[in-house]
Amino acid sequence: MAVRRVMPNVTSEAMEESRDFYGLLGFEEVMNHGWITTLASPAHPAAQVSFMTADRTAPVVPDMSVEVDDVDAAYAAMREQGAEIIHPLQDEEWGVRRFFVRDPNGRVVNVLSHR
């Protein structure tokens, strides 16, 4: 299994202000679903940050997202080790397959693959 990208997810009630602020550092908006906005570096597209008001289908806003090449294998590995699954593995309407898991520090990680 390979990691494709890692990005922080920031809970925000100031979506436009956050976009404008990080725009000053060179980030550009690459996704906006209303409840989540993702910004990326044009020079290094995998360098990203997301801002979320809430997660549309999950019970919590994750602290970070990790995109892997095989989310099913990641899910199986986490379950086998007894990790706490916060949001079950499922396909989302916006084109990802994902699950949430709690890390040893209590942080919630959104593990995903694009379909």
N, C-alpha and C. Protein backbone atom coordinates (compact mmCIF):
# COMPACT_ATOMS: atom_id res chain seq x y z
N MET A 1 0.86 -1.17 0.00
CA MET A 1 0.00 0.00 0.00
C MET A 1 0.90 1.23 0.00
N ALA A 2 0.56 2.22 -0.81
CA ALA A 2 1.36 3.44 -0.92
C ALA A 2 0.52 4.66 -0.53
N VAL A 3 1.16 5.61 0.14
CA VAL A 3 0.53 6.88 0.48
C VAL A 3 0.68 7.82 -0.70
N ARG A 4 -0.40 8.44 -1.12
CA ARG A 4 -0.37 9.39 -2.24
C ARG A 4 -0.27 10.83 -1.78
N ARG A 5 -0.94 11.17 -0.66
CA ARG A 5 -0.86 12.53 -0.12
C ARG A 5 -1.41 12.53 1.29
N VAL A 6 -1.01 13.55 2.04
CA VAL A 6 -1.50 13.75 3.40
C VAL A 6 -1.86 15.22 3.50
N MET A 7 -3.01 15.52 4.10
CA MET A 7 -3.39 16.93 4.26
C MET A 7 -4.08 17.15 5.58
N PRO A 8 -3.82 18.31 6.20
CA PRO A 8 -4.56 18.67 7.40
C PRO A 8 -5.97 19.09 7.05
N ASN A 9 -6.90 18.80 7.94
CA ASN A 9 -8.28 19.26 7.84
C ASN A 9 -8.53 20.20 9.00
N VAL A 10 -8.92 21.43 8.71
CA VAL A 10 -9.11 22.45 9.73
C VAL A 10 -10.61 22.74 9.86
N THR A 11 -11.15 22.58 11.06
CA THR A 11 -12.54 22.97 11.30
C THR A 11 -12.61 24.49 11.21
N SER A 12 -13.56 25.00 10.41
CA SER A 12 -13.60 26.44 10.17
C SER A 12 -15.02 26.95 10.02
N GLU A 13 -15.27 28.10 10.57
CA GLU A 13 -16.50 28.85 10.33
C GLU A 13 -16.17 30.09 9.49
N ALA A 14 -14.93 30.16 9.02
CA ALA A 14 -14.46 31.30 8.23
C ALA A 14 -13.86 30.78 6.92
N MET A 15 -14.69 30.13 6.12
CA MET A 15 -14.21 29.47 4.91
C MET A 15 -13.59 30.46 3.92
N GLU A 16 -14.29 31.52 3.59
CA GLU A 16 -13.77 32.49 2.62
C GLU A 16 -12.51 33.17 3.12
N GLU A 17 -12.52 33.54 4.39
CA GLU A 17 -11.35 34.18 4.98
C GLU A 17 -10.15 33.25 4.97
N SER A 18 -10.38 31.96 5.24
CA SER A 18 -9.30 30.97 5.22
C SER A 18 -8.74 30.82 3.81
N ARG A 19 -9.64 30.74 2.83
CA ARG A 19 -9.20 30.63 1.43
C ARG A 19 -8.35 31.84 1.05
N ASP A 20 -8.81 33.03 1.40
CA ASP A 20 -8.07 34.25 1.07
C ASP A 20 -6.73 34.30 1.78
N PHE A 21 -6.70 33.93 3.06
CA PHE A 21 -5.46 33.95 3.84
C PHE A 21 -4.41 33.02 3.23
N TYR A 22 -4.80 31.76 2.98
CA TYR A 22 -3.85 30.80 2.43
C TYR A 22 -3.53 31.09 0.97
N GLY A 23 -4.42 31.82 0.30
CA GLY A 23 -4.12 32.29 -1.05
C GLY A 23 -2.91 33.22 -1.06
N LEU A 24 -2.72 33.97 0.03
CA LEU A 24 -1.55 34.84 0.13
C LEU A 24 -0.25 34.05 0.17
N LEU A 25 -0.33 32.78 0.56
CA LEU A 25 0.84 31.90 0.58
C LEU A 25 1.01 31.13 -0.72
N GLY A 26 0.11 31.35 -1.68
CA GLY A 26 0.22 30.71 -2.98
C GLY A 26 -0.72 29.54 -3.22
N PHE A 27 -1.57 29.21 -2.23
CA PHE A 27 -2.53 28.13 -2.43
C PHE A 27 -3.68 28.60 -3.32
N GLU A 28 -4.23 27.67 -4.09
CA GLU A 28 -5.40 27.95 -4.93
C GLU A 28 -6.49 26.92 -4.64
N GLU A 29 -7.74 27.36 -4.74
CA GLU A 29 -8.87 26.46 -4.50
C GLU A 29 -8.94 25.41 -5.60
N VAL A 30 -9.00 24.14 -5.19
CA VAL A 30 -9.12 23.04 -6.15
C VAL A 30 -10.41 22.24 -5.97
N MET A 31 -11.10 22.45 -4.82
CA MET A 31 -12.37 21.77 -4.58
C MET A 31 -13.18 22.60 -3.60
N ASN A 32 -14.49 22.70 -3.87
CA ASN A 32 -15.37 23.41 -2.95
C ASN A 32 -16.75 22.76 -3.03
N HIS A 33 -17.12 22.06 -1.95
CA HIS A 33 -18.44 21.44 -1.86
C HIS A 33 -19.36 22.21 -0.92
N GLY A 34 -18.96 23.41 -0.52
CA GLY A 34 -19.75 24.19 0.41
C GLY A 34 -19.37 23.91 1.85
N TRP A 35 -19.34 22.65 2.25
CA TRP A 35 -18.98 22.26 3.61
C TRP A 35 -17.50 21.93 3.74
N ILE A 36 -16.82 21.72 2.61
CA ILE A 36 -15.38 21.49 2.59
C ILE A 36 -14.79 22.21 1.39
N THR A 37 -13.68 22.90 1.64
CA THR A 37 -12.92 23.56 0.59
C THR A 37 -11.48 23.08 0.70
N THR A 38 -10.91 22.67 -0.43
CA THR A 38 -9.52 22.23 -0.45
C THR A 38 -8.70 23.19 -1.30
N LEU A 39 -7.55 23.56 -0.76
CA LEU A 39 -6.61 24.42 -1.45
C LEU A 39 -5.35 23.62 -1.73
N ALA A 40 -4.70 23.91 -2.85
CA ALA A 40 -3.47 23.20 -3.21
C ALA A 40 -2.45 24.17 -3.78
N SER A 41 -1.20 23.76 -3.70
CA SER A 41 -0.12 24.51 -4.30
C SER A 41 -0.09 24.20 -5.80
N PRO A 42 -0.12 25.22 -6.67
CA PRO A 42 -0.03 24.95 -8.10
C PRO A 42 1.28 24.27 -8.49
N ALA A 43 2.36 24.60 -7.77
CA ALA A 43 3.67 24.03 -8.09
C ALA A 43 3.82 22.60 -7.58
N HIS A 44 3.13 22.26 -6.49
CA HIS A 44 3.19 20.93 -5.88
C HIS A 44 1.77 20.53 -5.49
N PRO A 45 0.98 20.03 -6.43
CA PRO A 45 -0.45 19.79 -6.20
C PRO A 45 -0.80 18.88 -5.02
N ALA A 46 0.12 18.04 -4.58
CA ALA A 46 -0.16 17.18 -3.44
C ALA A 46 -0.02 17.93 -2.12
N ALA A 47 0.53 19.15 -2.14
CA ALA A 47 0.61 19.99 -0.94
C ALA A 47 -0.74 20.69 -0.80
N GLN A 48 -1.54 20.23 0.16
CA GLN A 48 -2.92 20.69 0.27
C GLN A 48 -3.31 20.94 1.72
N VAL A 49 -4.37 21.73 1.89
CA VAL A 49 -5.01 21.94 3.18
C VAL A 49 -6.51 22.06 2.90
N SER A 50 -7.32 21.49 3.79
CA SER A 50 -8.77 21.57 3.65
C SER A 50 -9.38 22.26 4.85
N PHE A 51 -10.48 22.97 4.61
CA PHE A 51 -11.25 23.65 5.65
C PHE A 51 -12.66 23.08 5.61
N MET A 52 -13.20 22.73 6.77
CA MET A 52 -14.51 22.09 6.84
C MET A 52 -15.37 22.74 7.90
N THR A 53 -16.64 22.95 7.56
CA THR A 53 -17.59 23.40 8.58
C THR A 53 -18.10 22.19 9.37
N ALA A 54 -18.29 21.09 8.69
CA ALA A 54 -18.72 19.81 9.26
C ALA A 54 -18.51 18.78 8.17
N ASP A 55 -18.50 17.51 8.54
CA ASP A 55 -18.39 16.47 7.53
C ASP A 55 -19.80 16.07 7.13
N ARG A 56 -20.05 15.97 5.85
CA ARG A 56 -21.41 15.73 5.35
C ARG A 56 -21.98 14.37 5.74
N THR A 57 -21.14 13.33 5.80
CA THR A 57 -21.68 11.99 6.06
C THR A 57 -21.08 11.31 7.28
N ALA A 58 -20.16 11.96 7.97
CA ALA A 58 -19.51 11.34 9.11
C ALA A 58 -19.82 12.11 10.40
N PRO A 59 -19.63 11.47 11.55
CA PRO A 59 -20.01 12.10 12.81
C PRO A 59 -19.07 13.20 13.31
N VAL A 60 -17.86 13.27 12.77
CA VAL A 60 -16.88 14.27 13.22
C VAL A 60 -16.09 14.80 12.03
N VAL A 61 -15.46 15.95 12.22
CA VAL A 61 -14.50 16.47 11.23
C VAL A 61 -13.16 15.81 11.53
N PRO A 62 -12.57 15.14 10.56
CA PRO A 62 -11.29 14.49 10.81
C PRO A 62 -10.17 15.53 10.95
N ASP A 63 -9.13 15.15 11.68
CA ASP A 63 -7.99 16.04 11.87
C ASP A 63 -7.07 16.06 10.65
N MET A 64 -7.03 14.96 9.94
CA MET A 64 -6.19 14.89 8.74
C MET A 64 -6.76 13.85 7.80
N SER A 65 -6.36 13.95 6.53
CA SER A 65 -6.73 12.96 5.52
C SER A 65 -5.46 12.35 4.95
N VAL A 66 -5.52 11.04 4.73
CA VAL A 66 -4.42 10.32 4.12
C VAL A 66 -4.99 9.57 2.92
N GLU A 67 -4.53 9.93 1.73
CA GLU A 67 -4.96 9.22 0.53
C GLU A 67 -3.98 8.09 0.27
N VAL A 68 -4.52 6.89 0.13
CA VAL A 68 -3.71 5.69 -0.15
C VAL A 68 -4.15 5.09 -1.47
N ASP A 69 -3.33 4.21 -2.01
CA ASP A 69 -3.68 3.59 -3.29
C ASP A 69 -4.65 2.43 -3.12
N ASP A 70 -4.82 1.90 -1.89
CA ASP A 70 -5.73 0.77 -1.67
C ASP A 70 -6.41 0.93 -0.30
N VAL A 71 -7.53 1.64 -0.29
CA VAL A 71 -8.22 1.91 0.97
C VAL A 71 -8.79 0.64 1.59
N ASP A 72 -9.15 -0.34 0.78
CA ASP A 72 -9.67 -1.58 1.32
C ASP A 72 -8.59 -2.32 2.11
N ALA A 73 -7.36 -2.32 1.61
CA ALA A 73 -6.25 -2.95 2.33
C ALA A 73 -5.95 -2.20 3.62
N ALA A 74 -6.01 -0.87 3.58
CA ALA A 74 -5.78 -0.06 4.78
C ALA A 74 -6.84 -0.36 5.83
N TYR A 75 -8.09 -0.45 5.40
CA TYR A 75 -9.19 -0.75 6.31
C TYR A 75 -9.00 -2.12 6.96
N ALA A 76 -8.64 -3.11 6.15
CA ALA A 76 -8.42 -4.46 6.68
C ALA A 76 -7.28 -4.47 7.69
N ALA A 77 -6.20 -3.75 7.41
CA ALA A 77 -5.06 -3.70 8.33
C ALA A 77 -5.45 -3.05 9.65
N MET A 78 -6.21 -1.96 9.59
CA MET A 78 -6.63 -1.27 10.81
C MET A 78 -7.56 -2.15 11.64
N ARG A 79 -8.49 -2.81 11.00
CA ARG A 79 -9.42 -3.70 11.72
C ARG A 79 -8.67 -4.87 12.35
N GLU A 80 -7.72 -5.42 11.59
CA GLU A 80 -6.94 -6.56 12.09
C GLU A 80 -6.17 -6.19 13.35
N GLN A 81 -5.69 -4.96 13.42
CA GLN A 81 -4.93 -4.49 14.59
C GLN A 81 -5.83 -3.98 15.71
N GLY A 82 -7.13 -3.96 15.49
CA GLY A 82 -8.06 -3.54 16.53
C GLY A 82 -8.19 -2.03 16.69
N ALA A 83 -7.82 -1.27 15.65
CA ALA A 83 -7.94 0.19 15.71
C ALA A 83 -9.41 0.60 15.82
N GLU A 84 -9.65 1.74 16.44
CA GLU A 84 -11.02 2.24 16.61
C GLU A 84 -11.50 2.89 15.32
N ILE A 85 -12.46 2.27 14.68
CA ILE A 85 -13.05 2.79 13.46
C ILE A 85 -14.16 3.77 13.87
N ILE A 86 -14.04 5.02 13.44
CA ILE A 86 -14.99 6.07 13.80
C ILE A 86 -16.12 6.17 12.77
N HIS A 87 -15.78 5.94 11.51
CA HIS A 87 -16.73 6.03 10.39
C HIS A 87 -16.42 4.85 9.47
N PRO A 88 -17.40 4.00 9.18
CA PRO A 88 -17.12 2.77 8.43
C PRO A 88 -16.71 3.03 6.98
N LEU A 89 -16.06 2.05 6.41
CA LEU A 89 -15.64 2.10 5.01
C LEU A 89 -16.88 2.22 4.13
N GLN A 90 -16.90 3.24 3.29
CA GLN A 90 -18.03 3.41 2.38
C GLN A 90 -17.64 4.29 1.20
N ASP A 91 -18.41 4.14 0.13
CA ASP A 91 -18.25 4.97 -1.06
C ASP A 91 -19.06 6.24 -0.86
N GLU A 92 -18.44 7.39 -1.15
CA GLU A 92 -19.11 8.68 -1.02
C GLU A 92 -19.49 9.20 -2.40
N GLU A 93 -20.55 9.99 -2.46
CA GLU A 93 -21.08 10.47 -3.73
C GLU A 93 -20.11 11.39 -4.47
N TRP A 94 -19.11 11.95 -3.79
CA TRP A 94 -18.17 12.85 -4.45
C TRP A 94 -16.93 12.12 -4.97
N GLY A 95 -17.00 10.79 -5.05
CA GLY A 95 -15.98 10.03 -5.77
C GLY A 95 -14.85 9.43 -4.96
N VAL A 96 -15.03 9.34 -3.65
CA VAL A 96 -14.00 8.69 -2.84
C VAL A 96 -14.59 7.52 -2.09
N ARG A 97 -13.73 6.59 -1.72
CA ARG A 97 -14.06 5.49 -0.82
C ARG A 97 -13.22 5.76 0.41
N ARG A 98 -13.84 5.76 1.60
CA ARG A 98 -13.11 6.20 2.78
C ARG A 98 -13.63 5.59 4.06
N PHE A 99 -12.81 5.72 5.11
CA PHE A 99 -13.20 5.40 6.47
C PHE A 99 -12.42 6.33 7.40
N PHE A 100 -12.90 6.48 8.64
CA PHE A 100 -12.21 7.27 9.65
C PHE A 100 -11.72 6.30 10.73
N VAL A 101 -10.51 6.56 11.22
CA VAL A 101 -9.93 5.76 12.29
C VAL A 101 -9.26 6.70 13.29
N ARG A 102 -9.26 6.31 14.57
CA ARG A 102 -8.62 7.13 15.61
C ARG A 102 -7.18 6.64 15.77
N ASP A 103 -6.23 7.59 15.75
CA ASP A 103 -4.82 7.23 15.93
C ASP A 103 -4.48 7.12 17.42
N PRO A 104 -3.28 6.67 17.79
CA PRO A 104 -2.93 6.51 19.21
C PRO A 104 -2.95 7.80 20.01
N ASN A 105 -2.94 8.97 19.34
CA ASN A 105 -2.99 10.26 20.02
C ASN A 105 -4.40 10.80 20.16
N GLY A 106 -5.38 10.05 19.69
CA GLY A 106 -6.76 10.49 19.76
C GLY A 106 -7.22 11.28 18.55
N ARG A 107 -6.35 11.46 17.58
CA ARG A 107 -6.70 12.21 16.36
C ARG A 107 -7.49 11.32 15.41
N VAL A 108 -8.44 11.94 14.70
CA VAL A 108 -9.25 11.20 13.74
C VAL A 108 -8.65 11.37 12.35
N VAL A 109 -8.38 10.24 11.70
CA VAL A 109 -7.75 10.23 10.38
C VAL A 109 -8.75 9.71 9.36
N ASN A 110 -8.96 10.49 8.30
CA ASN A 110 -9.79 10.11 7.17
C ASN A 110 -8.87 9.41 6.18
N VAL A 111 -9.07 8.12 5.99
CA VAL A 111 -8.24 7.33 5.06
C VAL A 111 -9.09 7.09 3.81
N LEU A 112 -8.55 7.46 2.65
CA LEU A 112 -9.36 7.44 1.44
C LEU A 112 -8.59 7.03 0.20
N SER A 113 -9.34 6.63 -0.81
CA SER A 113 -8.85 6.44 -2.17
C SER A 113 -9.90 7.03 -3.10
N HIS A 114 -9.46 7.58 -4.20
CA HIS A 114 -10.41 8.03 -5.22
C HIS A 114 -10.85 6.81 -6.02
N ARG A 115 -12.14 6.80 -6.38
CA ARG A 115 -12.67 5.69 -7.17
C ARG A 115 -12.40 5.92 -8.63
